[in-house]
Structure formats: C-alpha cells, structure tokens
Protein backbone atom coordinates (compact mmCIF):
# COMPACT_ATOMS: atom_id res chain seq x y z
CA UNK A 1 -115.08 15.61 -2.36
CA UNK A 2 -118.86 15.83 -2.68
CA UNK A 3 -120.26 15.66 -6.18
CA UNK A 4 -122.31 18.60 -7.37
CA UNK A 5 -125.71 17.01 -6.77
CA UNK A 6 -124.83 16.09 -3.19
CA UNK A 7 -123.59 19.64 -2.66
CA UNK A 8 -126.78 21.13 -4.09
CA UNK A 9 -128.98 18.90 -1.96
CA UNK A 10 -127.10 19.72 1.27
CA UNK A 11 -127.04 23.47 0.53
CA UNK A 12 -130.43 23.79 -1.10
CA UNK A 13 -131.99 26.22 1.37
CA UNK A 14 -128.83 28.33 1.63
CA UNK A 15 -128.62 28.69 -2.14
CA UNK A 16 -132.27 29.75 -2.32
CA UNK A 17 -131.95 32.17 0.60
CA UNK A 18 -128.95 33.89 -0.95
CA UNK A 19 -130.75 34.30 -4.26
CA UNK A 20 -133.82 35.65 -2.47
CA UNK A 21 -131.66 38.26 -0.71
CA UNK A 22 -130.42 39.39 -4.12
CA UNK A 23 -133.91 39.48 -5.63
CA UNK A 24 -135.25 41.62 -2.79
CA UNK A 25 -133.13 44.60 -3.89
CA UNK A 26 -135.07 46.67 -6.50
CA UNK A 27 -132.20 47.36 -8.90
CA UNK A 28 -134.25 49.06 -11.63
CA UNK A 29 -131.62 50.80 -13.74
CA UNK A 30 -134.14 52.68 -15.91
CA UNK A 31 -135.57 54.67 -13.00
CA UNK A 32 -133.33 57.13 -11.07
CA UNK A 33 -135.56 56.61 -8.01
CA UNK A 34 -133.82 53.25 -7.58
CA UNK A 35 -130.25 54.53 -8.04
CA UNK A 36 -129.22 53.71 -4.47
CA UNK A 37 -130.71 50.22 -4.78
CA UNK A 38 -128.74 49.58 -7.97
CA UNK A 39 -125.53 50.51 -6.15
CA UNK A 40 -126.52 48.32 -3.20
CA UNK A 41 -126.98 45.41 -5.58
CA UNK A 42 -123.48 45.90 -6.99
CA UNK A 43 -122.13 45.79 -3.43
CA UNK A 44 -124.14 42.64 -2.73
CA UNK A 45 -122.55 40.92 -5.75
CA UNK A 46 -119.10 42.14 -4.71
CA UNK A 47 -119.56 40.66 -1.24
CA UNK A 48 -120.71 37.35 -2.70
CA UNK A 49 -117.69 37.12 -5.00
CA UNK A 50 -115.35 37.89 -2.10
CA UNK A 51 -117.05 35.28 0.10
CA UNK A 52 -116.55 32.46 -2.40
CA UNK A 53 -112.81 33.15 -2.60
CA UNK A 54 -112.26 35.14 -5.76
CA UNK A 55 -109.38 37.61 -6.02
CA UNK A 56 -109.14 41.27 -7.06
CA UNK A 57 -112.82 41.80 -6.41
CA UNK A 58 -113.72 45.39 -7.12
CA UNK A 59 -116.48 47.86 -7.91
CA UNK A 60 -115.34 49.36 -11.21
CA UNK A 61 -116.53 52.91 -11.86
CA UNK A 62 -118.04 53.79 -15.23
CA UNK A 63 -119.88 56.87 -16.55
CA UNK A 64 -123.05 55.13 -15.32
CA UNK A 65 -123.66 52.31 -12.89
CA UNK A 66 -120.60 50.31 -11.81
CA UNK A 67 -119.33 46.98 -13.07
CA UNK A 68 -118.40 44.31 -10.55
CA UNK A 69 -115.15 42.57 -11.46
CA UNK A 70 -113.44 39.53 -9.91
CA UNK A 71 -111.03 36.81 -10.95
CA UNK A 72 -109.32 33.60 -9.95
CA UNK A 73 -106.14 32.92 -11.92
CA UNK A 74 -105.08 29.34 -11.22
CA UNK A 75 -102.29 29.23 -13.78
CA UNK A 76 -101.46 31.68 -16.58
CA UNK A 77 -100.96 28.70 -18.90
CA UNK A 78 -104.53 27.55 -18.43
CA UNK A 79 -107.43 28.87 -20.54
CA UNK A 80 -109.46 31.75 -19.11
CA UNK A 81 -113.25 31.89 -19.06
CA UNK A 82 -114.91 35.30 -18.71
CA UNK A 83 -118.36 35.16 -17.10
CA UNK A 84 -120.73 37.98 -17.97
CA UNK A 85 -124.07 38.81 -16.39
CA UNK A 86 -126.10 41.79 -15.21
CA UNK A 87 -127.53 42.74 -11.85
CA UNK A 88 -130.05 45.37 -12.99
CA UNK A 89 -133.69 44.55 -13.70
CA UNK A 90 -136.63 45.87 -15.70
CA UNK A 91 -139.27 48.18 -14.18
CA UNK A 92 -142.22 46.30 -12.66
CA UNK A 93 -145.03 48.27 -14.32
CA UNK A 94 -147.90 47.58 -14.44
CA UNK A 95 -147.42 46.59 -10.79
CA UNK A 96 -151.15 45.95 -10.26
CA UNK A 97 -150.92 42.87 -12.50
CA UNK A 98 -148.41 41.14 -10.22
CA UNK A 99 -149.91 38.40 -8.06
CA UNK A 100 -147.27 39.00 -5.38
CA UNK A 101 -144.80 41.75 -4.52
CA UNK A 102 -142.16 41.80 -7.32
CA UNK A 103 -139.40 42.38 -4.77
CA UNK A 104 -140.57 39.86 -2.18
CA UNK A 105 -139.67 36.56 -3.87
CA UNK A 106 -141.94 33.59 -3.28
CA UNK A 107 -141.99 30.04 -4.58
CA UNK A 108 -145.23 28.87 -6.19
CA UNK A 109 -145.99 25.61 -7.97
CA UNK A 110 -147.13 25.82 -11.60
CA UNK A 111 -148.03 23.30 -14.29
CA UNK A 112 -144.63 23.77 -15.89
CA UNK A 113 -142.77 23.90 -12.58
CA UNK A 114 -144.16 21.22 -10.22
CA UNK A 115 -141.13 21.78 -7.96
CA UNK A 116 -142.08 25.43 -7.82
CA UNK A 117 -140.93 28.63 -9.48
CA UNK A 118 -139.41 31.73 -7.91
CA UNK A 119 -141.68 34.70 -8.60
CA UNK A 120 -139.81 38.01 -8.47
CA UNK A 121 -138.51 40.68 -10.82
CA UNK A 122 -135.09 39.57 -12.06
CA UNK A 123 -135.54 35.94 -11.05
CA UNK A 124 -134.92 34.78 -14.63
CA UNK A 125 -133.57 37.96 -16.23
CA UNK A 126 -130.87 37.97 -15.11
CA UNK A 127 -130.20 37.76 -11.38
CA UNK A 128 -131.21 34.10 -11.06
CA UNK A 129 -129.20 33.02 -14.08
CA UNK A 130 -126.19 35.21 -13.26
CA UNK A 131 -126.14 33.93 -9.68
CA UNK A 132 -125.92 30.32 -10.92
CA UNK A 133 -122.44 31.13 -12.18
CA UNK A 134 -121.39 32.47 -8.80
CA UNK A 135 -122.66 29.34 -7.07
CA UNK A 136 -121.10 26.94 -9.61
CA UNK A 137 -117.67 28.55 -9.14
CA UNK A 138 -118.22 28.56 -5.38
CA UNK A 139 -118.72 24.78 -5.47
CA UNK A 140 -115.58 24.24 -7.56
CA UNK A 141 -113.45 26.47 -5.32
CA UNK A 142 -114.70 24.79 -2.15
CA UNK A 143 -113.66 21.45 -3.60
CA UNK A 144 -110.38 22.81 -4.98
CA UNK A 145 -111.44 21.61 -8.42
CA UNK A 146 -111.62 24.74 -10.59
CA UNK A 147 -109.73 23.58 -13.72
CA UNK A 148 -109.40 26.92 -15.54
CA UNK A 149 -108.95 30.60 -14.81
CA UNK A 150 -112.17 32.57 -14.39
CA UNK A 151 -113.07 36.24 -14.51
CA UNK A 152 -116.40 37.81 -13.64
CA UNK A 153 -117.77 40.98 -15.19
CA UNK A 154 -121.26 41.80 -13.89
CA UNK A 155 -122.83 45.07 -15.09
CA UNK A 156 -125.74 47.20 -13.94
CA UNK A 157 -127.04 48.76 -17.15
CA UNK A 158 -128.03 45.89 -19.45
CA UNK A 159 -131.72 46.70 -19.22
CA UNK A 160 -131.07 50.24 -20.52
CA UNK A 161 -128.81 49.19 -23.40
CA UNK A 162 -125.44 48.85 -21.58
CA UNK A 163 -124.35 52.43 -22.34
CA UNK A 164 -121.23 52.24 -20.13
CA UNK A 165 -120.10 48.73 -21.00
CA UNK A 166 -118.43 49.63 -24.30
CA UNK A 167 -116.58 52.45 -22.51
CA UNK A 168 -115.36 49.98 -19.88
CA UNK A 169 -114.43 47.13 -22.20
CA UNK A 170 -112.45 49.39 -24.54
CA UNK A 171 -110.36 50.59 -21.58
CA UNK A 172 -109.75 47.17 -20.05
CA UNK A 173 -108.64 44.83 -22.83
CA UNK A 174 -105.82 43.33 -20.78
CA UNK A 175 -107.85 42.89 -17.61
CA UNK A 176 -110.67 41.21 -19.53
CA UNK A 177 -108.42 39.07 -21.74
CA UNK A 178 -110.00 35.62 -22.10
CA UNK A 179 -110.34 32.58 -24.33
CA UNK A 180 -114.14 32.33 -24.23
CA UNK A 181 -117.07 34.19 -22.68
CA UNK A 182 -119.98 32.39 -21.11
CA UNK A 183 -123.37 34.05 -20.61
CA UNK A 184 -126.65 32.81 -19.16
CA UNK A 185 -129.19 35.39 -20.27
CA UNK A 186 -131.06 33.14 -22.70
CA UNK A 187 -133.18 30.01 -22.41
CA UNK A 188 -134.04 26.44 -23.30
CA UNK A 189 -136.92 24.95 -25.26
CA UNK A 190 -138.32 23.12 -22.22
CA UNK A 191 -137.08 21.63 -18.98
CA UNK A 192 -136.54 18.33 -20.77
CA UNK A 193 -135.24 19.92 -23.98
CA UNK A 194 -131.92 21.67 -23.27
CA UNK A 195 -130.66 24.19 -25.80
CA UNK A 196 -127.76 26.50 -26.54
CA UNK A 197 -128.45 29.76 -28.32
CA UNK A 198 -126.24 30.09 -31.40
CA UNK A 199 -127.81 33.19 -32.92
CA UNK A 200 -129.21 36.48 -31.62
CA UNK A 201 -131.10 39.17 -33.44
CA UNK A 202 -129.74 42.69 -33.35
CA UNK A 203 -131.70 45.75 -32.31
CA UNK A 204 -132.47 49.28 -33.38
CA UNK A 205 -134.56 51.29 -30.93
CA UNK A 206 -135.96 54.75 -31.70
CA UNK A 207 -138.34 57.27 -30.20
CA UNK A 208 -140.50 59.44 -32.45
CA UNK A 209 -142.27 62.70 -31.69
CA UNK A 210 -144.92 64.23 -33.94
CA UNK A 211 -145.66 67.89 -33.21
CA UNK A 212 -148.64 69.87 -34.50
CA UNK A 213 -149.82 73.14 -32.97
CA UNK A 214 -147.62 74.85 -30.40
CA UNK A 215 -150.15 74.10 -27.63
CA UNK A 216 -153.12 71.82 -26.98
CA UNK A 217 -156.22 73.14 -28.76
CA UNK A 218 -159.97 72.97 -28.16
CA UNK A 219 -161.17 70.11 -30.38
CA UNK A 220 -164.49 71.84 -31.04
CA UNK A 221 -162.98 75.10 -32.21
CA UNK A 222 -160.05 73.59 -34.12
CA UNK A 223 -161.06 70.00 -34.89
CA UNK A 224 -161.04 69.24 -38.60
CA UNK A 225 -158.95 72.30 -39.39
CA UNK A 226 -155.63 71.50 -37.71
CA UNK A 227 -153.61 68.29 -37.88
CA UNK A 228 -154.05 66.06 -34.83
CA UNK A 229 -150.59 64.59 -33.98
CA UNK A 230 -152.04 61.40 -32.47
CA UNK A 231 -154.24 60.72 -35.49
CA UNK A 232 -151.34 61.41 -37.82
CA UNK A 233 -148.84 59.35 -35.81
CA UNK A 234 -151.09 56.29 -35.87
CA UNK A 235 -151.55 56.62 -39.63
CA UNK A 236 -147.77 56.91 -40.11
CA UNK A 237 -147.14 53.84 -37.95
CA UNK A 238 -149.70 51.90 -39.99
CA UNK A 239 -147.63 52.64 -43.11
CA UNK A 240 -144.50 50.99 -41.66
CA UNK A 241 -145.79 47.53 -42.64
CA UNK A 242 -147.89 46.29 -45.54
CA UNK A 243 -150.77 43.82 -45.79
CA UNK A 244 -148.29 40.92 -45.53
CA UNK A 245 -146.64 42.40 -42.42
CA UNK A 246 -143.57 43.11 -44.52
CA UNK A 247 -141.65 46.19 -43.34
CA UNK A 248 -141.96 48.98 -45.91
CA UNK A 249 -138.84 51.04 -45.08
CA UNK A 250 -136.82 51.32 -48.33
CA UNK A 251 -133.56 49.36 -48.12
CA UNK A 252 -134.53 47.63 -44.87
CA UNK A 253 -134.17 44.10 -46.31
CA UNK A 254 -131.18 44.78 -48.58
CA UNK A 255 -128.73 42.87 -46.37
CA UNK A 256 -131.11 40.21 -45.08
CA UNK A 257 -130.04 36.75 -46.20
CA UNK A 258 -132.77 34.26 -47.00
CA UNK A 259 -132.31 30.96 -45.21
CA UNK A 260 -131.80 27.89 -47.34
CA UNK A 261 -134.46 25.15 -47.35
CA UNK A 262 -132.04 23.00 -45.35
CA UNK A 263 -131.67 25.67 -42.66
CA UNK A 264 -135.42 26.08 -42.41
CA UNK A 265 -135.77 22.32 -41.95
CA UNK A 266 -133.33 22.48 -39.04
CA UNK A 267 -135.33 25.25 -37.37
CA UNK A 268 -138.50 23.21 -37.81
CA UNK A 269 -136.94 20.38 -35.76
CA UNK A 270 -137.28 22.48 -32.60
CA UNK A 271 -140.20 21.09 -30.58
CA UNK A 272 -143.09 23.52 -30.90
CA UNK A 273 -146.82 23.15 -30.29
CA UNK A 274 -148.72 26.02 -31.89
CA UNK A 275 -151.93 25.37 -29.94
CA UNK A 276 -150.10 25.35 -26.61
CA UNK A 277 -148.27 28.50 -27.68
CA UNK A 278 -151.54 30.31 -28.34
CA UNK A 279 -153.10 28.99 -25.16
CA UNK A 280 -150.15 30.13 -23.03
CA UNK A 281 -150.45 33.65 -24.46
CA UNK A 282 -154.27 33.64 -24.44
CA UNK A 283 -154.49 34.60 -28.12
CA UNK A 284 -156.85 33.10 -30.69
CA UNK A 285 -154.30 33.15 -33.49
CA UNK A 286 -150.71 34.08 -34.31
CA UNK A 287 -149.83 37.08 -36.44
CA UNK A 288 -146.75 37.96 -38.44
CA UNK A 289 -144.89 38.14 -41.72
CA UNK A 290 -146.54 36.12 -44.46
CA UNK A 291 -144.63 33.08 -45.70
CA UNK A 292 -142.83 32.24 -42.44
CA UNK A 293 -143.60 29.99 -39.49
CA UNK A 294 -143.99 31.25 -35.95
CA UNK A 295 -140.57 29.84 -35.01
CA UNK A 296 -138.99 31.65 -37.96
CA UNK A 297 -140.82 34.91 -37.30
CA UNK A 298 -139.58 35.05 -33.72
CA UNK A 299 -135.98 34.11 -34.41
CA UNK A 300 -134.53 34.61 -37.89
CA UNK A 301 -136.72 37.32 -39.45
CA UNK A 302 -136.45 41.07 -38.80
CA UNK A 303 -139.36 42.78 -37.08
CA UNK A 304 -140.78 46.21 -36.28
CA UNK A 305 -142.87 46.78 -33.17
CA UNK A 306 -144.39 49.78 -31.44
CA UNK A 307 -143.39 49.39 -27.78
CA UNK A 308 -145.28 52.36 -26.43
CA UNK A 309 -147.43 55.24 -27.67
CA UNK A 310 -148.69 58.27 -25.80
CA UNK A 311 -149.97 61.82 -26.06
CA UNK A 312 -152.92 64.02 -25.21
CA UNK A 313 -155.19 63.58 -22.20
CA UNK A 314 -155.41 60.16 -20.54
CA UNK A 315 -156.79 61.05 -17.12
CA UNK A 316 -160.25 60.47 -15.69
CA UNK A 317 -163.24 61.85 -17.55
CA UNK A 318 -163.18 63.87 -20.76
CA UNK A 319 -160.92 66.65 -21.95
CA UNK A 320 -161.69 67.54 -25.54
CA UNK A 321 -158.38 68.63 -27.01
CA UNK A 322 -156.22 68.31 -30.05
CA UNK A 323 -152.85 67.52 -28.44
CA UNK A 324 -149.74 69.43 -29.36
CA UNK A 325 -147.57 66.33 -29.46
CA UNK A 326 -147.72 62.55 -29.84
CA UNK A 327 -144.92 60.09 -29.14
CA UNK A 328 -144.03 56.46 -29.76
CA UNK A 329 -141.17 54.12 -29.01
CA UNK A 330 -140.39 51.70 -31.83
CA UNK A 331 -137.99 48.76 -31.88
CA UNK A 332 -136.67 46.83 -34.86
CA UNK A 333 -135.11 43.41 -34.39
CA UNK A 334 -132.36 42.81 -36.91
CA UNK A 335 -130.80 39.71 -38.44
CA UNK A 336 -127.37 39.09 -40.01
CA UNK A 337 -126.09 41.20 -41.80
CA UNK A 338 -128.27 44.19 -40.95
CA UNK A 339 -126.40 47.13 -39.46
CA UNK A 340 -127.89 48.90 -36.40
CA UNK A 341 -125.92 52.00 -37.34
CA UNK A 342 -127.60 52.18 -40.77
CA UNK A 343 -131.16 51.21 -39.86
CA UNK A 344 -132.06 54.31 -37.77
CA UNK A 345 -131.17 56.57 -40.70
CA UNK A 346 -133.31 54.51 -43.05
CA UNK A 347 -136.17 54.64 -40.59
CA UNK A 348 -135.90 58.40 -40.06
CA UNK A 349 -135.76 59.19 -43.77
CA UNK A 350 -138.83 57.10 -44.51
CA UNK A 351 -140.81 58.17 -41.46
CA UNK A 352 -140.33 61.83 -42.25
CA UNK A 353 -141.19 61.24 -45.91
CA UNK A 354 -144.65 59.91 -45.06
CA UNK A 355 -145.51 62.76 -42.67
CA UNK A 356 -147.97 65.41 -43.90
CA UNK A 357 -146.86 69.03 -43.88
CA UNK A 358 -149.27 69.72 -41.02
CA UNK A 359 -146.79 68.29 -38.47
CA UNK A 360 -143.10 68.24 -37.63
CA UNK A 361 -141.37 64.91 -36.97
CA UNK A 362 -138.40 64.16 -34.74
CA UNK A 363 -136.69 60.76 -34.60
CA UNK A 364 -134.34 60.04 -31.73
CA UNK A 365 -132.02 57.00 -31.95
CA UNK A 366 -131.97 55.54 -28.42
CA UNK A 367 -129.72 52.48 -28.74
CA UNK A 368 -129.04 49.37 -30.77
CA UNK A 369 -126.91 46.28 -31.21
CA UNK A 370 -125.59 43.96 -33.89
CA UNK A 371 -126.90 40.45 -34.62
CA UNK A 372 -124.64 37.59 -33.52
CA UNK A 373 -123.86 33.98 -34.44
CA UNK A 374 -121.72 31.36 -32.65
CA UNK A 375 -120.76 28.36 -34.80
CA UNK A 376 -121.53 24.93 -33.37
CA UNK A 377 -117.99 23.75 -34.13
CA UNK A 378 -116.49 26.25 -31.69
CA UNK A 379 -114.74 24.54 -28.75
CA UNK A 380 -116.80 26.58 -26.29
CA UNK A 381 -120.01 25.33 -27.86
CA UNK A 382 -118.72 21.75 -27.80
CA UNK A 383 -117.87 22.03 -24.10
CA UNK A 384 -121.26 23.54 -23.30
CA UNK A 385 -123.03 20.80 -25.26
CA UNK A 386 -121.14 18.10 -23.34
CA UNK A 387 -121.97 19.76 -20.02
CA UNK A 388 -125.65 19.90 -20.92
CA UNK A 389 -125.63 16.29 -22.06
CA UNK A 390 -124.15 15.22 -18.73
CA UNK A 391 -126.72 17.22 -16.75
CA UNK A 392 -129.82 16.49 -18.84
CA UNK A 393 -128.93 13.10 -20.35
CA UNK A 394 -129.44 14.36 -23.91
CA UNK A 395 -127.78 16.63 -26.45
CA UNK A 396 -128.91 20.26 -26.49
CA UNK A 397 -130.51 21.82 -29.54
CA UNK A 398 -128.73 24.73 -31.20
CA UNK A 399 -131.37 27.47 -31.43
CA UNK A 400 -131.77 31.02 -32.68
CA UNK A 401 -133.13 33.56 -30.24
CA UNK A 402 -135.37 36.42 -31.22
CA UNK A 403 -133.96 38.54 -28.43
CA UNK A 404 -130.94 40.81 -28.52
CA UNK A 405 -127.88 41.04 -26.30
CA UNK A 406 -126.01 43.96 -27.88
CA UNK A 407 -122.90 43.44 -25.77
CA UNK A 408 -122.19 40.01 -27.32
CA UNK A 409 -121.00 41.34 -30.70
CA UNK A 410 -119.22 44.12 -28.78
CA UNK A 411 -117.20 41.51 -26.89
CA UNK A 412 -116.11 39.80 -30.08
CA UNK A 413 -115.11 43.10 -31.67
CA UNK A 414 -113.16 44.40 -28.66
CA UNK A 415 -111.86 41.22 -27.01
CA UNK A 416 -111.64 38.92 -30.01
CA UNK A 417 -113.46 36.00 -28.39
CA UNK A 418 -116.74 34.21 -28.91
CA UNK A 419 -119.58 34.09 -26.40
CA UNK A 420 -121.38 30.88 -25.48
CA UNK A 421 -125.04 31.59 -24.70
CA UNK A 422 -125.92 28.88 -22.23
CA UNK A 423 -129.21 29.88 -20.65
CA UNK A 424 -131.71 27.95 -18.55
CA UNK A 425 -134.84 30.10 -18.69
CA UNK A 426 -138.08 29.26 -20.47
CA UNK A 427 -140.31 31.30 -22.75
CA UNK A 428 -142.98 31.09 -20.07
CA UNK A 429 -140.82 32.90 -17.48
CA UNK A 430 -142.56 36.22 -18.25
CA UNK A 431 -139.37 38.23 -18.33
CA UNK A 432 -139.99 41.99 -18.72
CA UNK A 433 -143.62 41.30 -17.72
CA UNK A 434 -145.65 41.06 -14.53
CA UNK A 435 -145.18 37.82 -12.59
CA UNK A 436 -141.69 37.06 -13.87
CA UNK A 437 -140.53 33.73 -12.48
CA UNK A 438 -137.74 31.19 -12.70
CA UNK A 439 -138.06 27.49 -12.01
CA UNK A 440 -136.39 26.09 -8.92
CA UNK A 441 -135.44 23.14 -11.14
CA UNK A 442 -133.83 25.50 -13.64
CA UNK A 443 -131.85 27.34 -10.97
CA UNK A 444 -130.30 24.18 -9.55
CA UNK A 445 -129.91 22.44 -12.91
CA UNK A 446 -128.10 25.55 -14.13
CA UNK A 447 -125.62 25.43 -11.26
CA UNK A 448 -125.03 21.75 -11.90
CA UNK A 449 -124.52 22.16 -15.65
CA UNK A 450 -122.22 25.16 -15.32
CA UNK A 451 -120.04 23.28 -12.83
CA UNK A 452 -119.41 20.66 -15.55
CA UNK A 453 -118.58 23.17 -18.25
CA UNK A 454 -115.08 24.11 -17.07
CA UNK A 455 -113.59 20.60 -17.22
CA UNK A 456 -115.01 20.03 -20.66
CA UNK A 457 -113.74 23.38 -21.84
CA UNK A 458 -110.23 22.70 -20.55
CA UNK A 459 -110.22 19.36 -22.35
CA UNK A 460 -111.45 20.88 -25.62
CA UNK A 461 -108.94 23.71 -25.33
CA UNK A 462 -105.93 21.42 -24.81
CA UNK A 463 -106.80 18.91 -27.55
C-alpha cells in the first residue's frame, strides 16, 4: 500500500488534469445562459464518483439544478461521514480584469504560492476544494483502506443561495443520515498556519427599489421640482449607518451577544499583519465599526454592505434625465443569535420610514441564512484537528469566518448533525473576484489531510 504522499507524487499530473477539466466548464448558476454547462458539470461529477468506485451514484432532480449523490457503505455499524460541496461558480464579471481566461485554468507562480497557483473561476470556491474530497476517497478506496461509510452530496446552486437544497434535504432524511458532515468551503490563516472554522456569520440579502416619476424626465424641465430616485436612494443608504459605522436599524443589535474579554483575547491570537493586509488590498487604511479590531469586524460583528447600485443612464456620453427608478442590493452579515427571518422585516420597516413622500420604496427579501458555531470539543473537530496536525506538523487554530454558508445550520436542523468546516483556501485567493486562484500546495495538502481524517474520526467515534 502506497502512503498518501507517494500516491500524490505519482499521480500529480493526473490529479491536476482532472481538476482542470472540471474548471473548464463554466457552471455559473446565476446566469441562465450557462444552464447547459451547469448540468454538464453535474454529469462530470457523477462520472468522477462512479469512476472512483462509489455506489448508488445518481443525479438527483430538484426544483432547480440537480444534486449529485453517491455513497460507499462499508458496514452499517460504522460511523457515516456526509461530504458536502458545490459545483456551481460565481459569474466572472468584470471579465476584463482577469489576467487569463477564467475558464482556461493556468498555473502561475506568486509570492504566496511559489509552487504555483491555479487561476480559474471556481478553483478555490468550491470546485478545487470539493474535488479534494473526491480524490482523498479515491485514494482510500484504491488502497482498500476507507475506515468509515461515506456519502457525497454535491449541489449546483450554492452561489445563488441554495434554493433547492432545503427542499431536497427535507425529503431525504434517511438517505442523508450521517454522524458528521465535512465541508471544505472555507480557509486557513496561511499555508503554514492551518485552521478550522468554528463559527460562520449568517446572512440577510435584500434588493431595494426606489421609484419616483412614472417615466424618466428631462432634468432641465423637472430638476429641482421632482424627487430624483438615485439622489434619494443614496441619502437613504447613508442613513443606514452612523458616524461610528454602527448600523442604525432599530432592534438590529438586540440579540447580538458581546464577546467577553477572554474571547477577544483568543481572536487576537490569530496571526494578522495589518500593514500586509492593507498592502494586499491596495488600501491606505481599514474602515469599520468603531471599537473593534479588523479581525473582529470581519468575523464576529454584524455588517451592512451595499453590493450593487444602479439606475438612470450609464452609457456613453450625456443623457440629462431624472430616472424613474433606482435600485440597490444590500447584504447584512449576522452573528449569533440574530435571526435572518426577522432582520429583513426590521430593515424594510426602517428603510421605508426614512423615505421622503416623493418616492415609493419596495424591499424584496432575496435570501438569507443563520449563523453557525461548532464547538471545539466535538469529536468531528477533534478528528479534523488531528488530521491537520499530522499533515502540517502543528495544531490548527479554531477561527471565526466572516462568510456565510446558509446550508450549514440547515443541515443541523434537518439532519441533527454538526458540520466540520475544514477548508484549505486563503484570503488572498480572490474568490468571487477576478483572478480567483487556488494554490497547488493547498490542493494537494487538502487531499492529504482529508485522507487522514477518516481514521481519526472512526477512532474518536468508537472511544
């Protein structure tokens, strides 16, 4: 039996080629233009899971894009690990800022990745990380050394809020029955600082429309006499936070728990260089809620951000109008115990209350998700920590992530099991942005680490 590092070395090019084939498919779930490509990606994953020897591999229909399911039940008495990932990716806009074709993966060396990084949409989020799980199980099956039962559930709508996943999970409790869920859609502090995410922020995402006159108007004839929806929208958005960047929505902080001094000390232990952080983002200073550090602002404090704003004429040259409508998309990151079902109502009530009578306001709740915490004394966390220690030679840090994975609290509610967030990406991977990339080191180290996890989990489970 070859050990995992020998296996990775001998199969290095094959493992890269297979990932590249996956990354070449433009599975953008948000854009119907790519619908056929999303389906093709599901079929690609299905074929891969069949090739490595899993059973009951199927394309599971949902109201939206399909879920790919597979399993290998070694023994009903053994614990079962459910592996979750997603095969859809974010849109590539603005495509002109990419240094290479987002769907023609290439390896380029960077300061952070001297071995090279794979530049392609989905390389880190989440095709590259999801595919590590497939390859780790492939290694264990080839060596007849898979110590637990495994199930795969790979979806195609994560980047649009997983609208069909709840529908699917609620109808498949028995099929998805497991003892722990493992997910790699998060990251580490650095390539020499492994980490396991123990907390995720929740999310509330809304779209607002401010309507003035029934049609666009000549700004010379009507300017100064009729409310301009863009002017008014920007003023309303400015009122959503105060001079300390504290969110002004009444009741927004009612359920937010202040961290103890001890907890804040633990967060401060995470390696963080503020100057390098600013340099990497090309900003002259950080900006956020007064009284909190950058690490705290991006992980354990709630936020409100305008993600997009549009209206009026934006083409070449001048068109002097007062637009009929103005729009914005606004996201709020939530922390325990904020409720994503309550927050949109609070937002709508306040947003409408600050609108002048000159306009009408519509607030559309797009999607959301609950915050999530995994305790470090959970046996899944312990197994993951041991696997990371074996692979990296040091204990991982438990960290809070500022991102949201709405399906994680859904899994606990519907399936009754905890999720272990064992990711291998870095903050510098530029996920959701032009030039997304994933380190070659991270890809192979992820496969190695995940191959260790199952033995450690079996041992923790049977103790």
